Each structure stands twice: as C-alpha cells, then as structure tokens.
Amino acid sequence: MLTLGVHDEIDLRFSKMFGSIVFSLVKLELHLKYKEKLFSYYRQLLDHPNDEIRINAAFNLPCFNSIYNRRKFSDKKI
C-alpha cells in the first residue's frame, strides 16, 4: 500500500503525475482492479498537510470523475 509523509518531495512529484498514472491504468484495463487502493491513496493526497499536494489532488478530480463515472453517464438515456 502507498503511504504518504515519508518524503514530501516524492509525494509532491507523485501527486503531479497521479492523474496520468490512473489514465494509463485505464488503457491497460487495470483501473478497476486497483480501484480501492487508488482511491485510498487519492484520499491521502486530498488530506495531505502540504497545500501544493492538495491542489494537485484537486486538479486530478475531473480525471477520477471521468474514469470511474463513465458507466453512469453512458447508461443514461437522452
């Protein structure tokens, strides 16, 4: 499991890349397999004491919404 706080610099760099990493997992069809771990780590990013890391996490919110709510939107009849 991923843990925050060991090295803030690593946390900061990873928070900047997190959306891209999740998007890459979608391409490999692994995003559902690791959904719980990704959400757990994402929640840690949102609660991080470093403002920049929290901002990066908020920036990735549309990525998470797009990936994990796709079925809900595509199932709706227009």
N, C-alpha and C. Protein backbone atom coordinates (compact mmCIF):
# COMPACT_ATOMS: atom_id res chain seq x y z
N MET A 1 0.84 -1.18 0.00
CA MET A 1 0.00 0.00 0.00
C MET A 1 0.88 1.24 0.00
N LEU A 2 0.42 2.27 -0.68
CA LEU A 2 1.16 3.51 -0.74
C LEU A 2 0.95 4.30 0.54
N THR A 3 2.03 4.92 1.03
CA THR A 3 1.95 5.68 2.26
C THR A 3 2.54 7.06 2.04
N LEU A 4 1.84 8.05 2.52
CA LEU A 4 2.31 9.42 2.39
C LEU A 4 3.16 9.82 3.58
N GLY A 5 3.90 10.92 3.40
CA GLY A 5 4.61 11.52 4.51
C GLY A 5 6.04 11.07 4.69
N VAL A 6 6.46 10.02 4.00
CA VAL A 6 7.84 9.55 4.16
C VAL A 6 8.80 10.59 3.61
N HIS A 7 8.51 11.04 2.40
CA HIS A 7 9.32 12.07 1.77
C HIS A 7 8.38 13.01 1.03
N ASP A 8 8.23 14.22 1.53
CA ASP A 8 7.29 15.16 0.92
C ASP A 8 7.62 15.45 -0.54
N GLU A 9 8.90 15.46 -0.90
CA GLU A 9 9.27 15.73 -2.29
C GLU A 9 8.76 14.64 -3.22
N ILE A 10 8.85 13.39 -2.78
CA ILE A 10 8.33 12.28 -3.58
C ILE A 10 6.81 12.37 -3.66
N ASP A 11 6.16 12.68 -2.54
CA ASP A 11 4.71 12.85 -2.54
C ASP A 11 4.29 13.95 -3.51
N LEU A 12 5.04 15.04 -3.53
CA LEU A 12 4.71 16.15 -4.42
C LEU A 12 4.84 15.74 -5.88
N ARG A 13 5.92 15.09 -6.22
CA ARG A 13 6.12 14.64 -7.61
C ARG A 13 5.06 13.64 -8.02
N PHE A 14 4.76 12.71 -7.14
CA PHE A 14 3.77 11.69 -7.47
C PHE A 14 2.39 12.31 -7.60
N SER A 15 2.07 13.31 -6.78
CA SER A 15 0.76 13.95 -6.87
C SER A 15 0.58 14.66 -8.20
N LYS A 16 1.67 15.13 -8.78
CA LYS A 16 1.61 15.78 -10.10
C LYS A 16 1.36 14.77 -11.22
N MET A 17 1.80 13.53 -11.04
CA MET A 17 1.68 12.50 -12.07
C MET A 17 0.50 11.56 -11.86
N PHE A 18 -0.20 11.69 -10.75
CA PHE A 18 -1.19 10.70 -10.36
C PHE A 18 -2.30 10.53 -11.40
N GLY A 19 -2.82 11.62 -11.94
CA GLY A 19 -3.87 11.52 -12.95
C GLY A 19 -3.40 10.77 -14.19
N SER A 20 -2.18 11.04 -14.62
CA SER A 20 -1.61 10.34 -15.78
C SER A 20 -1.43 8.86 -15.51
N ILE A 21 -1.03 8.54 -14.31
CA ILE A 21 -0.83 7.14 -13.94
C ILE A 21 -2.17 6.39 -13.96
N VAL A 22 -3.19 7.00 -13.39
CA VAL A 22 -4.51 6.37 -13.38
C VAL A 22 -5.03 6.22 -14.81
N PHE A 23 -4.84 7.25 -15.63
CA PHE A 23 -5.28 7.19 -17.02
C PHE A 23 -4.56 6.06 -17.76
N SER A 24 -3.27 5.86 -17.47
CA SER A 24 -2.51 4.76 -18.08
C SER A 24 -3.05 3.41 -17.64
N LEU A 25 -3.49 3.32 -16.40
CA LEU A 25 -4.09 2.07 -15.92
C LEU A 25 -5.39 1.77 -16.65
N VAL A 26 -6.11 2.81 -17.04
CA VAL A 26 -7.33 2.62 -17.82
C VAL A 26 -6.99 1.98 -19.15
N LYS A 27 -5.93 2.47 -19.80
CA LYS A 27 -5.52 1.91 -21.09
C LYS A 27 -5.16 0.44 -20.98
N LEU A 28 -4.61 0.06 -19.83
CA LEU A 28 -4.23 -1.34 -19.59
C LEU A 28 -5.38 -2.14 -18.97
N GLU A 29 -6.52 -1.49 -18.77
CA GLU A 29 -7.70 -2.09 -18.16
C GLU A 29 -7.42 -2.62 -16.75
N LEU A 30 -6.61 -1.90 -16.00
CA LEU A 30 -6.28 -2.28 -14.62
C LEU A 30 -6.88 -1.32 -13.60
N HIS A 31 -7.57 -0.28 -14.06
CA HIS A 31 -8.09 0.73 -13.14
C HIS A 31 -9.15 0.18 -12.18
N LEU A 32 -9.93 -0.78 -12.62
CA LEU A 32 -10.95 -1.35 -11.73
C LEU A 32 -10.33 -2.33 -10.74
N LYS A 33 -9.31 -3.02 -11.16
CA LYS A 33 -8.63 -3.97 -10.28
C LYS A 33 -8.01 -3.26 -9.07
N TYR A 34 -7.46 -2.08 -9.29
CA TYR A 34 -6.77 -1.33 -8.23
C TYR A 34 -7.58 -0.14 -7.72
N LYS A 35 -8.86 -0.14 -7.99
CA LYS A 35 -9.72 0.99 -7.65
C LYS A 35 -9.64 1.37 -6.17
N GLU A 36 -9.78 0.41 -5.28
CA GLU A 36 -9.78 0.70 -3.84
C GLU A 36 -8.45 1.29 -3.39
N LYS A 37 -7.34 0.76 -3.87
CA LYS A 37 -6.02 1.29 -3.50
C LYS A 37 -5.80 2.68 -4.06
N LEU A 38 -6.26 2.90 -5.29
CA LEU A 38 -6.11 4.22 -5.90
C LEU A 38 -6.93 5.26 -5.14
N PHE A 39 -8.16 4.91 -4.78
CA PHE A 39 -9.00 5.84 -4.03
C PHE A 39 -8.43 6.10 -2.63
N SER A 40 -7.88 5.09 -2.01
CA SER A 40 -7.28 5.26 -0.69
C SER A 40 -6.10 6.23 -0.75
N TYR A 41 -5.25 6.04 -1.74
CA TYR A 41 -4.09 6.93 -1.88
C TYR A 41 -4.55 8.33 -2.27
N TYR A 42 -5.54 8.42 -3.15
CA TYR A 42 -6.05 9.72 -3.58
C TYR A 42 -6.61 10.48 -2.37
N ARG A 43 -7.31 9.78 -1.50
CA ARG A 43 -7.84 10.41 -0.29
C ARG A 43 -6.71 10.95 0.59
N GLN A 44 -5.61 10.21 0.67
CA GLN A 44 -4.45 10.66 1.43
C GLN A 44 -3.87 11.93 0.82
N LEU A 45 -3.85 12.00 -0.52
CA LEU A 45 -3.37 13.21 -1.18
C LEU A 45 -4.27 14.40 -0.85
N LEU A 46 -5.58 14.17 -0.84
CA LEU A 46 -6.51 15.25 -0.54
C LEU A 46 -6.37 15.76 0.90
N ASP A 47 -5.95 14.89 1.81
CA ASP A 47 -5.81 15.25 3.22
C ASP A 47 -4.37 15.62 3.61
N HIS A 48 -3.48 15.70 2.66
CA HIS A 48 -2.06 15.96 2.93
C HIS A 48 -1.89 17.36 3.53
N PRO A 49 -0.93 17.53 4.46
CA PRO A 49 -0.71 18.86 5.06
C PRO A 49 -0.09 19.87 4.07
N ASN A 50 0.54 19.41 3.01
CA ASN A 50 1.16 20.29 2.03
C ASN A 50 0.10 20.82 1.06
N ASP A 51 -0.02 22.14 0.98
CA ASP A 51 -1.04 22.76 0.13
C ASP A 51 -0.88 22.39 -1.34
N GLU A 52 0.34 22.37 -1.84
CA GLU A 52 0.56 22.08 -3.26
C GLU A 52 0.12 20.66 -3.62
N ILE A 53 0.33 19.72 -2.73
CA ILE A 53 -0.10 18.34 -2.96
C ILE A 53 -1.62 18.26 -2.99
N ARG A 54 -2.28 18.98 -2.09
CA ARG A 54 -3.75 19.00 -2.09
C ARG A 54 -4.29 19.64 -3.37
N ILE A 55 -3.62 20.70 -3.85
CA ILE A 55 -4.04 21.35 -5.09
C ILE A 55 -3.90 20.39 -6.26
N ASN A 56 -2.78 19.66 -6.31
CA ASN A 56 -2.59 18.66 -7.37
C ASN A 56 -3.67 17.59 -7.33
N ALA A 57 -4.03 17.17 -6.14
CA ALA A 57 -5.09 16.17 -5.99
C ALA A 57 -6.42 16.73 -6.51
N ALA A 58 -6.73 17.96 -6.17
CA ALA A 58 -7.97 18.58 -6.65
C ALA A 58 -7.95 18.71 -8.17
N PHE A 59 -6.79 18.99 -8.74
CA PHE A 59 -6.65 19.09 -10.19
C PHE A 59 -6.99 17.76 -10.87
N ASN A 60 -6.71 16.64 -10.20
CA ASN A 60 -6.97 15.32 -10.76
C ASN A 60 -8.40 14.84 -10.55
N LEU A 61 -9.22 15.59 -9.86
CA LEU A 61 -10.60 15.18 -9.61
C LEU A 61 -11.38 14.94 -10.90
N PRO A 62 -11.29 15.80 -11.92
CA PRO A 62 -12.02 15.51 -13.16
C PRO A 62 -11.59 14.20 -13.83
N CYS A 63 -10.32 13.85 -13.69
CA CYS A 63 -9.82 12.58 -14.23
C CYS A 63 -10.53 11.41 -13.55
N PHE A 64 -10.59 11.45 -12.23
CA PHE A 64 -11.27 10.38 -11.49
C PHE A 64 -12.75 10.33 -11.83
N ASN A 65 -13.37 11.49 -11.92
CA ASN A 65 -14.79 11.53 -12.25
C ASN A 65 -15.04 10.95 -13.64
N SER A 66 -14.22 11.31 -14.58
CA SER A 66 -14.38 10.82 -15.95
C SER A 66 -14.18 9.31 -16.04
N ILE A 67 -13.21 8.79 -15.35
CA ILE A 67 -12.88 7.37 -15.44
C ILE A 67 -13.88 6.50 -14.68
N TYR A 68 -14.19 6.87 -13.46
CA TYR A 68 -14.99 5.99 -12.63
C TYR A 68 -16.49 6.24 -12.72
N ASN A 69 -16.93 7.31 -13.37
CA ASN A 69 -18.35 7.55 -13.55
C ASN A 69 -18.79 7.34 -14.99
N ARG A 70 -17.93 6.82 -15.81
CA ARG A 70 -18.21 6.64 -17.23
C ARG A 70 -19.46 5.80 -17.45
N ARG A 71 -19.64 4.73 -16.72
CA ARG A 71 -20.80 3.85 -16.90
C ARG A 71 -22.09 4.57 -16.57
N LYS A 72 -22.07 5.37 -15.52
CA LYS A 72 -23.27 6.08 -15.12
C LYS A 72 -23.75 7.02 -16.23
N PHE A 73 -22.81 7.70 -16.89
CA PHE A 73 -23.19 8.63 -17.93
C PHE A 73 -23.61 7.90 -19.22
N SER A 74 -22.92 6.82 -19.54
CA SER A 74 -23.23 6.13 -20.79
C SER A 74 -24.51 5.31 -20.70
N ASP A 75 -24.95 4.97 -19.50
CA ASP A 75 -26.17 4.20 -19.32
C ASP A 75 -27.43 5.06 -19.38
N LYS A 76 -27.27 6.35 -19.22
CA LYS A 76 -28.43 7.24 -19.21
C LYS A 76 -28.98 7.40 -20.62
N LYS A 77 -30.30 7.41 -20.71
CA LYS A 77 -30.95 7.65 -21.99
C LYS A 77 -31.17 9.15 -22.16
N ILE A 78 -30.92 9.61 -23.34
CA ILE A 78 -31.06 11.05 -23.61
C ILE A 78 -32.38 11.30 -24.30
